[in-house]
PDB file of N, CA and C in Angstrom:
ATOM      1  N   UNK A   1      37.744-223.010 195.170  1.00  0.00           N
ATOM      2  CA  UNK A   1      38.944-223.024 194.331  1.00  0.00           C
ATOM      3  C   UNK A   1      38.527-223.323 192.884  1.00  0.00           C
ATOM      4  N   UNK A   2      39.152-222.652 191.951  1.00  0.00           N
ATOM      5  CA  UNK A   2      38.873-222.819 190.532  1.00  0.00           C
ATOM      6  C   UNK A   2      40.160-223.227 189.824  1.00  0.00           C
ATOM      7  N   UNK A   3      40.086-224.258 189.033  1.00  0.00           N
ATOM      8  CA  UNK A   3      41.220-224.657 188.199  1.00  0.00           C
ATOM      9  C   UNK A   3      40.901-224.294 186.753  1.00  0.00           C
ATOM     10  N   UNK A   4      41.850-223.677 186.105  1.00  0.00           N
ATOM     11  CA  UNK A   4      41.671-223.235 184.723  1.00  0.00           C
ATOM     12  C   UNK A   4      42.671-223.942 183.816  1.00  0.00           C
ATOM     13  N   UNK A   5      42.184-224.391 182.678  1.00  0.00           N
ATOM     14  CA  UNK A   5      43.045-225.053 181.702  1.00  0.00           C
ATOM     15  C   UNK A   5      42.783-224.444 180.330  1.00  0.00           C
ATOM     16  N   UNK A   6      43.838-223.896 179.726  1.00  0.00           N
ATOM     17  CA  UNK A   6      43.727-223.319 178.402  1.00  0.00           C
ATOM     18  C   UNK A   6      44.056-224.363 177.340  1.00  0.00           C
ATOM     19  N   UNK A   7      43.463-224.186 176.174  1.00  0.00           N
ATOM     20  CA  UNK A   7      43.773-225.037 175.028  1.00  0.00           C
ATOM     21  C   UNK A   7      43.543-224.247 173.752  1.00  0.00           C
ATOM     22  N   UNK A   8      44.028-224.798 172.653  1.00  0.00           N
ATOM     23  CA  UNK A   8      43.764-224.198 171.357  1.00  0.00           C
ATOM     24  C   UNK A   8      44.912-223.436 170.738  1.00  0.00           C
ATOM     25  N   UNK A   9      46.009-223.309 171.470  1.00  0.00           N
ATOM     26  CA  UNK A   9      47.147-222.611 170.894  1.00  0.00           C
ATOM     27  C   UNK A   9      47.799-223.410 169.781  1.00  0.00           C
ATOM     28  N   UNK A  10      48.722-222.758 169.089  1.00  0.00           N
ATOM     29  CA  UNK A  10      49.437-223.448 168.018  1.00  0.00           C
ATOM     30  C   UNK A  10      50.172-222.477 167.131  1.00  0.00           C
ATOM     31  N   UNK A  11      50.593-222.984 165.995  1.00  0.00           N
ATOM     32  CA  UNK A  11      51.327-222.197 165.006  1.00  0.00           C
ATOM     33  C   UNK A  11      50.398-221.875 163.851  1.00  0.00           C
ATOM     34  N   UNK A  12      50.354-220.611 163.481  1.00  0.00           N
ATOM     35  CA  UNK A  12      49.484-220.186 162.391  1.00  0.00           C
ATOM     36  C   UNK A  12      50.185-219.084 161.607  1.00  0.00           C
ATOM     37  N   UNK A  13      49.863-218.989 160.337  1.00  0.00           N
ATOM     38  CA  UNK A  13      50.433-217.917 159.525  1.00  0.00           C
ATOM     39  C   UNK A  13      49.688-216.609 159.766  1.00  0.00           C
ATOM     40  N   UNK A  14      50.371-215.521 159.514  1.00  0.00           N
ATOM     41  CA  UNK A  14      49.738-214.213 159.639  1.00  0.00           C
ATOM     42  C   UNK A  14      48.477-214.169 158.777  1.00  0.00           C
ATOM     43  N   UNK A  15      47.427-213.582 159.350  1.00  0.00           N
ATOM     44  CA  UNK A  15      46.140-213.542 158.677  1.00  0.00           C
ATOM     45  C   UNK A  15      45.225-214.689 159.031  1.00  0.00           C
ATOM     46  N   UNK A  16      45.768-215.683 159.681  1.00  0.00           N
ATOM     47  CA  UNK A  16      44.982-216.849 160.054  1.00  0.00           C
ATOM     48  C   UNK A  16      44.208-216.653 161.341  1.00  0.00           C
ATOM     49  N   UNK A  17      43.582-217.734 161.792  1.00  0.00           N
ATOM     50  CA  UNK A  17      42.728-217.694 162.972  1.00  0.00           C
ATOM     51  C   UNK A  17      43.045-218.844 163.919  1.00  0.00           C
ATOM     52  N   UNK A  18      42.791-218.584 165.186  1.00  0.00           N
ATOM     53  CA  UNK A  18      42.843-219.613 166.209  1.00  0.00           C
ATOM     54  C   UNK A  18      41.712-219.365 167.189  1.00  0.00           C
ATOM     55  N   UNK A  19      41.287-220.421 167.840  1.00  0.00           N
ATOM     56  CA  UNK A  19      40.259-220.293 168.871  1.00  0.00           C
ATOM     57  C   UNK A  19      40.807-220.894 170.151  1.00  0.00           C
ATOM     58  N   UNK A  20      40.993-220.061 171.144  1.00  0.00           N
ATOM     59  CA  UNK A  20      41.464-220.519 172.442  1.00  0.00           C
ATOM     60  C   UNK A  20      40.270-220.806 173.343  1.00  0.00           C
ATOM     61  N   UNK A  21      40.455-221.766 174.204  1.00  0.00           N
ATOM     62  CA  UNK A  21      39.408-222.117 175.148  1.00  0.00           C
ATOM     63  C   UNK A  21      39.977-222.185 176.554  1.00  0.00           C
ATOM     64  N   UNK A  22      39.201-221.706 177.508  1.00  0.00           N
ATOM     65  CA  UNK A  22      39.573-221.765 178.921  1.00  0.00           C
ATOM     66  C   UNK A  22      38.494-222.567 179.631  1.00  0.00           C
ATOM     67  N   UNK A  23      38.862-223.734 180.104  1.00  0.00           N
ATOM     68  CA  UNK A  23      37.914-224.596 180.786  1.00  0.00           C
ATOM     69  C   UNK A  23      38.122-224.505 182.285  1.00  0.00           C
ATOM     70  N   UNK A  24      37.033-224.352 183.001  1.00  0.00           N
ATOM     71  CA  UNK A  24      37.103-224.229 184.454  1.00  0.00           C
ATOM     72  C   UNK A  24      36.564-225.483 185.127  1.00  0.00           C
ATOM     73  N   UNK A  25      37.197-225.859 186.191  1.00  0.00           N
ATOM     74  CA  UNK A  25      36.695-226.954 187.019  1.00  0.00           C
ATOM     75  C   UNK A  25      36.805-226.547 188.472  1.00  0.00           C
ATOM     76  N   UNK A  26      36.027-227.180 189.293  1.00  0.00           N
ATOM     77  CA  UNK A  26      36.052-226.861 190.705  1.00  0.00           C
ATOM     78  C   UNK A  26      34.929-225.950 191.126  1.00  0.00           C
ATOM     79  N   UNK A  27      34.460-225.155 190.193  1.00  0.00           N
ATOM     80  CA  UNK A  27      33.363-224.256 190.514  1.00  0.00           C
ATOM     81  C   UNK A  27      32.794-223.706 189.221  1.00  0.00           C
ATOM     82  N   UNK A  28      31.519-223.476 189.184  1.00  0.00           N
ATOM     83  CA  UNK A  28      30.916-222.845 188.020  1.00  0.00           C
ATOM     84  C   UNK A  28      31.299-221.387 188.010  1.00  0.00           C
ATOM     85  N   UNK A  29      31.871-220.936 186.914  1.00  0.00           N
ATOM     86  CA  UNK A  29      32.319-219.544 186.906  1.00  0.00           C
ATOM     87  C   UNK A  29      31.529-218.692 185.922  1.00  0.00           C
ATOM     88  N   UNK A  30      30.258-219.062 185.744  1.00  0.00           N
ATOM     89  CA  UNK A  30      29.417-218.317 184.820  1.00  0.00           C
ATOM     90  C   UNK A  30      29.267-216.856 185.207  1.00  0.00           C
ATOM     91  N   UNK A  31      29.433-216.539 186.478  1.00  0.00           N
ATOM     92  CA  UNK A  31      29.318-215.148 186.893  1.00  0.00           C
ATOM     93  C   UNK A  31      30.661-214.539 187.317  1.00  0.00           C
ATOM     94  N   UNK A  32      31.729-215.264 187.087  1.00  0.00           N
ATOM     95  CA  UNK A  32      33.045-214.715 187.384  1.00  0.00           C
ATOM     96  C   UNK A  32      33.475-213.796 186.245  1.00  0.00           C
ATOM     97  N   UNK A  33      34.319-212.855 186.545  1.00  0.00           N
ATOM     98  CA  UNK A  33      35.044-212.138 185.508  1.00  0.00           C
ATOM     99  C   UNK A  33      36.155-213.063 185.002  1.00  0.00           C
ATOM    100  N   UNK A  34      36.231-213.203 183.706  1.00  0.00           N
ATOM    101  CA  UNK A  34      37.268-214.045 183.106  1.00  0.00           C
ATOM    102  C   UNK A  34      38.035-213.208 182.097  1.00  0.00           C
ATOM    103  N   UNK A  35      39.327-213.233 182.234  1.00  0.00           N
ATOM    104  CA  UNK A  35      40.167-212.446 181.343  1.00  0.00           C
ATOM    105  C   UNK A  35      41.189-213.293 180.625  1.00  0.00           C
ATOM    106  N   UNK A  36      41.651-212.781 179.511  1.00  0.00           N
ATOM    107  CA  UNK A  36      42.770-213.358 178.776  1.00  0.00           C
ATOM    108  C   UNK A  36      43.921-212.355 178.795  1.00  0.00           C
ATOM    109  N   UNK A  37      45.078-212.861 179.104  1.00  0.00           N
ATOM    110  CA  UNK A  37      46.315-212.089 179.065  1.00  0.00           C
ATOM    111  C   UNK A  37      47.299-212.822 178.167  1.00  0.00           C
ATOM    112  N   UNK A  38      48.322-212.128 177.728  1.00  0.00           N
ATOM    113  CA  UNK A  38      49.366-212.776 176.939  1.00  0.00           C
ATOM    114  C   UNK A  38      50.715-212.208 177.322  1.00  0.00           C
ATOM    115  N   UNK A  39      51.727-213.024 177.082  1.00  0.00           N
ATOM    116  CA  UNK A  39      53.091-212.605 177.367  1.00  0.00           C
ATOM    117  C   UNK A  39      53.986-213.022 176.217  1.00  0.00           C
ATOM    118  N   UNK A  40      54.532-212.037 175.558  1.00  0.00           N
ATOM    119  CA  UNK A  40      55.467-212.291 174.471  1.00  0.00           C
ATOM    120  C   UNK A  40      56.871-212.473 175.046  1.00  0.00           C
ATOM    121  N   UNK A  41      57.741-213.145 174.323  1.00  0.00           N
ATOM    122  CA  UNK A  41      59.106-213.346 174.816  1.00  0.00           C
ATOM    123  C   UNK A  41      59.787-212.029 175.152  1.00  0.00           C
ATOM    124  N   UNK A  42      60.316-211.946 176.348  1.00  0.00           N
ATOM    125  CA  UNK A  42      61.045-210.754 176.765  1.00  0.00           C
ATOM    126  C   UNK A  42      60.177-209.565 177.134  1.00  0.00           C
ATOM    127  N   UNK A  43      58.869-209.766 177.173  1.00  0.00           N
ATOM    128  CA  UNK A  43      57.958-208.661 177.482  1.00  0.00           C
ATOM    129  C   UNK A  43      57.100-208.992 178.693  1.00  0.00           C
ATOM    130  N   UNK A  44      56.495-207.966 179.247  1.00  0.00           N
ATOM    131  CA  UNK A  44      55.609-208.166 180.384  1.00  0.00           C
ATOM    132  C   UNK A  44      54.268-208.725 179.923  1.00  0.00           C
ATOM    133  N   UNK A  45      53.587-209.369 180.862  1.00  0.00           N
ATOM    134  CA  UNK A  45      52.257-209.875 180.579  1.00  0.00           C
ATOM    135  C   UNK A  45      51.311-208.695 180.310  1.00  0.00           C
ATOM    136  N   UNK A  46      50.474-208.827 179.290  1.00  0.00           N
ATOM    137  CA  UNK A  46      49.568-207.749 178.954  1.00  0.00           C
ATOM    138  C   UNK A  46      48.139-208.257 178.819  1.00  0.00           C
ATOM    139  N   UNK A  47      47.224-207.374 179.099  1.00  0.00           N
ATOM    140  CA  UNK A  47      45.796-207.678 179.012  1.00  0.00           C
ATOM    141  C   UNK A  47      45.378-207.773 177.550  1.00  0.00           C
ATOM    142  N   UNK A  48      44.484-208.745 177.281  1.00  0.00           N
ATOM    143  CA  UNK A  48      43.954-208.926 175.932  1.00  0.00           C
ATOM    144  C   UNK A  48      42.446-208.645 175.901  1.00  0.00           C
ATOM    145  N   UNK A  49      41.712-209.335 176.773  1.00  0.00           N
ATOM    146  CA  UNK A  49      40.261-209.215 176.730  1.00  0.00           C
ATOM    147  C   UNK A  49      39.676-209.785 178.008  1.00  0.00           C
ATOM    148  N   UNK A  50      38.437-209.401 178.305  1.00  0.00           N
ATOM    149  CA  UNK A  50      37.756-209.939 179.476  1.00  0.00           C
ATOM    150  C   UNK A  50      36.254-209.909 179.263  1.00  0.00           C
ATOM    151  N   UNK A  51      35.596-210.837 179.916  1.00  0.00           N
ATOM    152  CA  UNK A  51      34.146-210.826 180.014  1.00  0.00           C
ATOM    153  C   UNK A  51      33.814-210.630 181.495  1.00  0.00           C
ATOM    154  N   UNK A  52      33.024-209.596 181.769  1.00  0.00           N
ATOM    155  CA  UNK A  52      32.830-209.151 183.145  1.00  0.00           C
ATOM    156  C   UNK A  52      31.723-209.941 183.827  1.00  0.00           C
ATOM    157  N   UNK A  53      31.995-210.430 185.021  1.00  0.00           N
ATOM    158  CA  UNK A  53      30.998-211.157 185.778  1.00  0.00           C
ATOM    159  C   UNK A  53      29.875-210.244 186.242  1.00  0.00           C
ATOM    160  N   UNK A  54      28.697-210.814 186.388  1.00  0.00           N
ATOM    161  CA  UNK A  54      27.551-210.096 186.923  1.00  0.00           C
ATOM    162  C   UNK A  54      27.159-208.890 186.077  1.00  0.00           C
ATOM    163  N   UNK A  55      27.530-208.879 184.804  1.00  0.00           N
ATOM    164  CA  UNK A  55      27.301-207.689 183.973  1.00  0.00           C
ATOM    165  C   UNK A  55      26.378-207.950 182.802  1.00  0.00           C
ATOM    166  N   UNK A  56      25.862-209.155 182.699  1.00  0.00           N
ATOM    167  CA  UNK A  56      25.029-209.442 181.545  1.00  0.00           C
ATOM    168  C   UNK A  56      25.806-209.630 180.266  1.00  0.00           C
ATOM    169  N   UNK A  57      27.096-209.913 180.391  1.00  0.00           N
ATOM    170  CA  UNK A  57      27.884-210.235 179.212  1.00  0.00           C
ATOM    171  C   UNK A  57      28.769-209.125 178.687  1.00  0.00           C
ATOM    172  N   UNK A  58      28.998-208.109 179.475  1.00  0.00           N
ATOM    173  CA  UNK A  58      29.846-207.006 179.001  1.00  0.00           C
ATOM    174  C   UNK A  58      31.265-207.518 178.757  1.00  0.00           C
ATOM    175  N   UNK A  59      31.845-207.046 177.666  1.00  0.00           N
ATOM    176  CA  UNK A  59      33.190-207.468 177.275  1.00  0.00           C
ATOM    177  C   UNK A  59      34.093-206.267 177.076  1.00  0.00           C
ATOM    178  N   UNK A  60      35.358-206.492 177.327  1.00  0.00           N
ATOM    179  CA  UNK A  60      36.382-205.459 177.203  1.00  0.00           C
ATOM    180  C   UNK A  60      37.521-206.005 176.353  1.00  0.00           C
ATOM    181  N   UNK A  61      38.096-205.155 175.501  1.00  0.00           N
ATOM    182  CA  UNK A  61      39.199-205.566 174.645  1.00  0.00           C
ATOM    183  C   UNK A  61      40.323-204.542 174.709  1.00  0.00           C
ATOM    184  N   UNK A  62      41.528-205.036 174.628  1.00  0.00           N
ATOM    185  CA  UNK A  62      42.663-204.144 174.436  1.00  0.00           C
ATOM    186  C   UNK A  62      42.573-203.533 173.041  1.00  0.00           C
ATOM    187  N   UNK A  63      43.063-202.325 172.897  1.00  0.00           N
ATOM    188  CA  UNK A  63      42.987-201.646 171.604  1.00  0.00           C
ATOM    189  C   UNK A  63      43.679-202.450 170.508  1.00  0.00           C
ATOM    190  N   UNK A  64      44.722-203.153 170.869  1.00  0.00           N
ATOM    191  CA  UNK A  64      45.504-203.888 169.880  1.00  0.00           C
ATOM    192  C   UNK A  64      44.755-205.060 169.260  1.00  0.00           C
ATOM    193  N   UNK A  65      43.666-205.503 169.891  1.00  0.00           N
ATOM    194  CA  UNK A  65      42.943-206.667 169.372  1.00  0.00           C
ATOM    195  C   UNK A  65      41.496-206.353 168.993  1.00  0.00           C
ATOM    196  N   UNK A  66      41.053-205.136 169.226  1.00  0.00           N
ATOM    197  CA  UNK A  66      39.678-204.777 168.905  1.00  0.00           C
ATOM    198  C   UNK A  66      39.380-205.007 167.431  1.00  0.00           C
ATOM    199  N   UNK A  67      38.239-205.611 167.172  1.00  0.00           N
ATOM    200  CA  UNK A  67      37.845-205.882 165.796  1.00  0.00           C
ATOM    201  C   UNK A  67      38.407-207.168 165.242  1.00  0.00           C
ATOM    202  N   UNK A  68      39.359-207.776 165.959  1.00  0.00           N
ATOM    203  CA  UNK A  68      39.960-209.027 165.487  1.00  0.00           C
ATOM    204  C   UNK A  68      39.668-210.199 166.421  1.00  0.00           C
ATOM    205  N   UNK A  69      39.589-209.921 167.713  1.00  0.00           N
ATOM    206  CA  UNK A  69      39.366-210.968 168.708  1.00  0.00           C
ATOM    207  C   UNK A  69      37.957-210.835 169.272  1.00  0.00           C
ATOM    208  N   UNK A  70      37.372-211.986 169.620  1.00  0.00           N
ATOM    209  CA  UNK A  70      36.053-212.006 170.246  1.00  0.00           C
ATOM    210  C   UNK A  70      36.071-212.975 171.410  1.00  0.00           C
ATOM    211  N   UNK A  71      35.669-212.480 172.574  1.00  0.00           N
ATOM    212  CA  UNK A  71      35.586-213.325 173.763  1.00  0.00           C
ATOM    213  C   UNK A  71      34.127-213.726 173.974  1.00  0.00           C
ATOM    214  N   UNK A  72      33.929-214.971 174.388  1.00  0.00           N
ATOM    215  CA  UNK A  72      32.559-215.441 174.602  1.00  0.00           C
ATOM    216  C   UNK A  72      32.539-216.505 175.683  1.00  0.00           C
ATOM    217  N   UNK A  73      31.385-216.653 176.293  1.00  0.00           N
ATOM    218  CA  UNK A  73      31.197-217.668 177.323  1.00  0.00           C
ATOM    219  C   UNK A  73      30.331-218.811 176.801  1.00  0.00           C
ATOM    220  N   UNK A  74      30.624-220.003 177.282  1.00  0.00           N
ATOM    221  CA  UNK A  74      29.738-221.141 177.090  1.00  0.00           C
ATOM    222  C   UNK A  74      29.452-221.681 178.489  1.00  0.00           C
ATOM    223  N   UNK A  75      28.349-221.238 179.066  1.00  0.00           N
ATOM    224  CA  UNK A  75      28.064-221.582 180.457  1.00  0.00           C
ATOM    225  C   UNK A  75      27.698-223.054 180.627  1.00  0.00           C
ATOM    226  N   UNK A  76      27.237-223.692 179.564  1.00  0.00           N
ATOM    227  CA  UNK A  76      26.924-225.121 179.665  1.00  0.00           C
ATOM    228  C   UNK A  76      28.215-225.919 179.800  1.00  0.00           C
ATOM    229  N   UNK A  77      29.220-225.534 179.033  1.00  0.00           N
ATOM    230  CA  UNK A  77      30.502-226.238 179.088  1.00  0.00           C
ATOM    231  C   UNK A  77      31.437-225.658 180.139  1.00  0.00           C
ATOM    232  N   UNK A  78      31.011-224.542 180.763  1.00  0.00           N
ATOM    233  CA  UNK A  78      31.854-223.869 181.766  1.00  0.00           C
ATOM    234  C   UNK A  78      33.193-223.455 181.167  1.00  0.00           C
ATOM    235  N   UNK A  79      33.110-222.854 179.988  1.00  0.00           N
ATOM    236  CA  UNK A  79      34.315-222.394 179.302  1.00  0.00           C
ATOM    237  C   UNK A  79      34.160-220.941 178.851  1.00  0.00           C
ATOM    238  N   UNK A  80      35.285-220.318 178.640  1.00  0.00           N
ATOM    239  CA  UNK A  80      35.338-219.005 178.008  1.00  0.00           C
ATOM    240  C   UNK A  80      36.286-219.130 176.816  1.00  0.00           C
ATOM    241  N   UNK A  81      35.833-218.687 175.675  1.00  0.00           N
ATOM    242  CA  UNK A  81      36.590-218.834 174.450  1.00  0.00           C
ATOM    243  C   UNK A  81      37.098-217.491 173.948  1.00  0.00           C
ATOM    244  N   UNK A  82      38.204-217.544 173.234  1.00  0.00           N
ATOM    245  CA  UNK A  82      38.754-216.347 172.601  1.00  0.00           C
ATOM    246  C   UNK A  82      38.994-216.674 171.133  1.00  0.00           C
ATOM    247  N   UNK A  83      38.135-216.145 170.283  1.00  0.00           N
ATOM    248  CA  UNK A  83      38.284-216.318 168.841  1.00  0.00           C
ATOM    249  C   UNK A  83      39.221-215.238 168.334  1.00  0.00           C
ATOM    250  N   UNK A  84      40.305-215.660 167.717  1.00  0.00           N
ATOM    251  CA  UNK A  84      41.324-214.724 167.247  1.00  0.00           C
ATOM    252  C   UNK A  84      41.416-214.805 165.736  1.00  0.00           C
ATOM    253  N   UNK A  85      41.066-213.725 165.077  1.00  0.00           N
ATOM    254  CA  UNK A  85      41.105-213.660 163.622  1.00  0.00           C
ATOM    255  C   UNK A  85      42.142-212.632 163.167  1.00  0.00           C
ATOM    256  N   UNK A  86      42.499-212.698 161.917  1.00  0.00           N
ATOM    257  CA  UNK A  86      43.457-211.757 161.323  1.00  0.00           C
ATOM    258  C   UNK A  86      44.703-211.640 162.193  1.00  0.00           C
ATOM    259  N   UNK A  87      45.232-212.764 162.561  1.00  0.00           N
ATOM    260  CA  UNK A  87      46.371-212.772 163.471  1.00  0.00           C
ATOM    261  C   UNK A  87      47.609-212.143 162.855  1.00  0.00           C
ATOM    262  N   UNK A  88      48.373-211.496 163.713  1.00  0.00           N
ATOM    263  CA  UNK A  88      49.596-210.811 163.301  1.00  0.00           C
ATOM    264  C   UNK A  88      50.774-211.414 164.063  1.00  0.00           C
ATOM    265  N   UNK A  89      51.968-211.285 163.543  1.00  0.00           N
ATOM    266  CA  UNK A  89      53.138-211.793 164.271  1.00  0.00           C
ATOM    267  C   UNK A  89      53.241-211.230 165.684  1.00  0.00           C
ATOM    268  N   UNK A  90      52.814-209.995 165.874  1.00  0.00           N
ATOM    269  CA  UNK A  90      52.888-209.387 167.212  1.00  0.00           C
ATOM    270  C   UNK A  90      51.878-209.980 168.185  1.00  0.00           C
ATOM    271  N   UNK A  91      50.997-210.858 167.725  1.00  0.00           N
ATOM    272  CA  UNK A  91      50.089-211.577 168.628  1.00  0.00           C
ATOM    273  C   UNK A  91      50.759-212.808 169.239  1.00  0.00           C
ATOM    274  N   UNK A  92      51.950-213.094 168.820  1.00  0.00           N
ATOM    275  CA  UNK A  92      52.688-214.248 169.335  1.00  0.00           C
ATOM    276  C   UNK A  92      52.933-214.116 170.831  1.00  0.00           C
ATOM    277  N   UNK A  93      52.762-215.223 171.545  1.00  0.00           N
ATOM    278  CA  UNK A  93      53.026-215.226 172.974  1.00  0.00           C
ATOM    279  C   UNK A  93      52.319-216.384 173.654  1.00  0.00           C
ATOM    280  N   UNK A  94      52.482-216.449 174.947  1.00  0.00           N
ATOM    281  CA  UNK A  94      51.746-217.419 175.744  1.00  0.00           C
ATOM    282  C   UNK A  94      50.487-216.720 176.250  1.00  0.00           C
ATOM    283  N   UNK A  95      49.367-217.350 176.001  1.00  0.00           N
ATOM    284  CA  UNK A  95      48.078-216.777 176.384  1.00  0.00           C
ATOM    285  C   UNK A  95      47.577-217.456 177.655  1.00  0.00           C
ATOM    286  N   UNK A  96      47.226-216.628 178.625  1.00  0.00           N
ATOM    287  CA  UNK A  96      46.760-217.108 179.916  1.00  0.00           C
ATOM    288  C   UNK A  96      45.306-216.707 180.148  1.00  0.00           C
ATOM    289  N   UNK A  97      44.582-217.624 180.727  1.00  0.00           N
ATOM    290  CA  UNK A  97      43.231-217.366 181.179  1.00  0.00           C
ATOM    291  C   UNK A  97      43.284-217.087 182.679  1.00  0.00           C
ATOM    292  N   UNK A  98      42.487-216.135 183.129  1.00  0.00           N
ATOM    293  CA  UNK A  98      42.448-215.798 184.546  1.00  0.00           C
ATOM    294  C   UNK A  98      41.015-215.491 184.945  1.00  0.00           C
ATOM    295  N   UNK A  99      40.703-215.677 186.209  1.00  0.00           N
ATOM    296  CA  UNK A  99      39.342-215.396 186.647  1.00  0.00           C
ATOM    297  C   UNK A  99      39.308-214.894 188.081  1.00  0.00           C
ATOM    298  N   UNK A 100      38.217-214.230 188.384  1.00  0.00           N
ATOM    299  CA  UNK A 100      37.973-213.729 189.720  1.00  0.00           C
ATOM    300  C   UNK A 100      36.467-213.673 189.934  1.00  0.00           C
ATOM    301  N   UNK A 101      36.000-213.922 191.155  1.00  0.00           N
ATOM    302  CA  UNK A 101      34.569-213.798 191.402  1.00  0.00           C
ATOM    303  C   UNK A 101      34.086-212.351 191.418  1.00  0.00           C
ATOM    304  N   UNK A 102      35.002-211.406 191.393  1.00  0.00           N
ATOM    305  CA  UNK A 102      34.619-210.000 191.441  1.00  0.00           C
ATOM    306  C   UNK A 102      34.130-209.510 190.079  1.00  0.00           C
ATOM    307  N   UNK A 103      33.210-208.568 190.121  1.00  0.00           N
ATOM    308  CA  UNK A 103      32.766-207.881 188.903  1.00  0.00           C
ATOM    309  C   UNK A 103      33.673-206.675 188.716  1.00  0.00           C
ATOM    310  N   UNK A 104      34.744-206.857 187.960  1.00  0.00           N
ATOM    311  CA  UNK A 104      35.737-205.802 187.834  1.00  0.00           C
ATOM    312  C   UNK A 104      35.204-204.623 187.027  1.00  0.00           C
ATOM    313  N   UNK A 105      35.757-203.473 187.303  1.00  0.00           N
ATOM    314  CA  UNK A 105      35.423-202.261 186.568  1.00  0.00           C
ATOM    315  C   UNK A 105      36.325-202.133 185.335  1.00  0.00           C
ATOM    316  N   UNK A 106      35.905-201.252 184.433  1.00  0.00           N
ATOM    317  CA  UNK A 106      36.724-201.012 183.233  1.00  0.00           C
ATOM    318  C   UNK A 106      38.127-200.548 183.603  1.00  0.00           C
ATOM    319  N   UNK A 107      38.242-199.833 184.696  1.00  0.00           N
ATOM    320  CA  UNK A 107      39.539-199.275 185.088  1.00  0.00           C
ATOM    321  C   UNK A 107      40.463-200.297 185.732  1.00  0.00           C
ATOM    322  N   UNK A 108      39.916-201.454 186.111  1.00  0.00           N
ATOM    323  CA  UNK A 108      40.739-202.442 186.816  1.00  0.00           C
ATOM    324  C   UNK A 108      40.811-203.787 186.108  1.00  0.00           C
ATOM    325  N   UNK A 109      40.005-203.987 185.090  1.00  0.00           N
ATOM    326  CA  UNK A 109      39.909-205.302 184.465  1.00  0.00           C
ATOM    327  C   UNK A 109      41.219-205.718 183.805  1.00  0.00           C
ATOM    328  N   UNK A 110      42.047-204.771 183.452  1.00  0.00           N
ATOM    329  CA  UNK A 110      43.296-205.085 182.774  1.00  0.00           C
ATOM    330  C   UNK A 110      44.462-205.347 183.724  1.00  0.00           C
ATOM    331  N   UNK A 111      44.221-205.262 185.013  1.00  0.00           N
ATOM    332  CA  UNK A 111      45.296-205.453 185.993  1.00  0.00           C
ATOM    333  C   UNK A 111      45.379-206.920 186.398  1.00  0.00           C
ATOM    334  N   UNK A 112      46.493-207.546 186.157  1.00  0.00           N
ATOM    335  CA  UNK A 112      46.650-208.968 186.442  1.00  0.00           C
ATOM    336  C   UNK A 112      46.435-209.280 187.925  1.00  0.00           C
ATOM    337  N   UNK A 113      46.831-208.383 188.793  1.00  0.00           N
ATOM    338  CA  UNK A 113      46.734-208.662 190.225  1.00  0.00           C
ATOM    339  C   UNK A 113      45.285-208.706 190.716  1.00  0.00           C
ATOM    340  N   UNK A 114      44.332-208.280 189.877  1.00  0.00           N
ATOM    341  CA  UNK A 114      42.924-208.334 190.261  1.00  0.00           C
ATOM    342  C   UNK A 114      42.345-209.746 190.141  1.00  0.00           C
ATOM    343  N   UNK A 115      43.074-210.644 189.507  1.00  0.00           N
ATOM    344  CA  UNK A 115      42.560-211.976 189.240  1.00  0.00           C
ATOM    345  C   UNK A 115      43.109-212.983 190.244  1.00  0.00           C
ATOM    346  N   UNK A 116      42.225-213.867 190.693  1.00  0.00           N
ATOM    347  CA  UNK A 116      42.593-214.819 191.738  1.00  0.00           C
ATOM    348  C   UNK A 116      43.135-216.137 191.198  1.00  0.00           C
ATOM    349  N   UNK A 117      42.662-216.523 190.037  1.00  0.00           N
ATOM    350  CA  UNK A 117      42.982-217.847 189.507  1.00  0.00           C
ATOM    351  C   UNK A 117      43.577-217.716 188.103  1.00  0.00           C
ATOM    352  N   UNK A 118      44.582-218.541 187.841  1.00  0.00           N
ATOM    353  CA  UNK A 118      45.279-218.490 186.557  1.00  0.00           C
ATOM    354  C   UNK A 118      45.487-219.897 186.020  1.00  0.00           C
ATOM    355  N   UNK A 119      45.422-220.001 184.698  1.00  0.00           N
ATOM    356  CA  UNK A 119      45.797-221.235 184.045  1.00  0.00           C
ATOM    357  C   UNK A 119      47.286-221.266 183.767  1.00  0.00           C
ATOM    358  N   UNK A 120      47.731-222.352 183.160  1.00  0.00           N
ATOM    359  CA  UNK A 120      49.157-222.533 182.868  1.00  0.00           C
ATOM    360  C   UNK A 120      49.576-221.910 181.551  1.00  0.00           C
ATOM    361  N   UNK A 121      48.620-221.565 180.723  1.00  0.00           N
ATOM    362  CA  UNK A 121      48.933-220.890 179.472  1.00  0.00           C
ATOM    363  C   UNK A 121      48.958-221.828 178.277  1.00  0.00           C
ATOM    364  N   UNK A 122      48.702-221.243 177.123  1.00  0.00           N
ATOM    365  CA  UNK A 122      48.807-221.971 175.852  1.00  0.00           C
ATOM    366  C   UNK A 122      49.555-221.073 174.868  1.00  0.00           C
ATOM    367  N   UNK A 123      50.474-221.672 174.142  1.00  0.00           N
ATOM    368  CA  UNK A 123      51.362-220.885 173.287  1.00  0.00           C
ATOM    369  C   UNK A 123      50.748-220.657 171.913  1.00  0.00           C
ATOM    370  N   UNK A 124      50.838-219.409 171.486  1.00  0.00           N
ATOM    371  CA  UNK A 124      50.391-219.008 170.146  1.00  0.00           C
ATOM    372  C   UNK A 124      51.576-218.429 169.400  1.00  0.00           C
ATOM    373  N   UNK A 125      51.838-218.956 168.228  1.00  0.00           N
ATOM    374  CA  UNK A 125      52.916-218.445 167.394  1.00  0.00           C
ATOM    375  C   UNK A 125      52.349-218.081 166.030  1.00  0.00           C
ATOM    376  N   UNK A 126      52.543-216.831 165.654  1.00  0.00           N
ATOM    377  CA  UNK A 126      52.062-216.345 164.361  1.00  0.00           C
ATOM    378  C   UNK A 126      53.273-216.040 163.492  1.00  0.00           C
ATOM    379  N   UNK A 127      53.386-216.755 162.403  1.00  0.00           N
ATOM    380  CA  UNK A 127      54.540-216.575 161.516  1.00  0.00           C
ATOM    381  C   UNK A 127      54.206-215.548 160.424  1.00  0.00           C
ATOM    382  N   UNK A 128      55.228-214.840 160.011  1.00  0.00           N
ATOM    383  CA  UNK A 128      55.016-213.795 158.985  1.00  0.00           C
ATOM    384  C   UNK A 128      55.166-214.347 157.587  1.00  0.00           C
TER     385      UNK A 128
END
């Protein structure tokens, strides 16, 4: 069993930056696939980014965040971080960390149902 806890959310002005962190306990997840999803008010949960397990560090990004967000692992701290730069109001939402021991493919990494473990989320608000 893996427990995930997100942190780092908050209120920031458009153009600003935030760094989200997903800390895992219960098991080392250095080889798990770890993804970030977000859910804006009144909208469905959407994929943001993932780092693929067993892949040597391959990362995937949604088109909406490419070039602005960077996902990274810290295997010593057992965390996965999401550096978010040049934030826009449309980035507002609750950000969730999720993980699975599977090495997901590019075609499935964005599907929420592929992930076994979820955190409670951290809220990000970007003001215009």
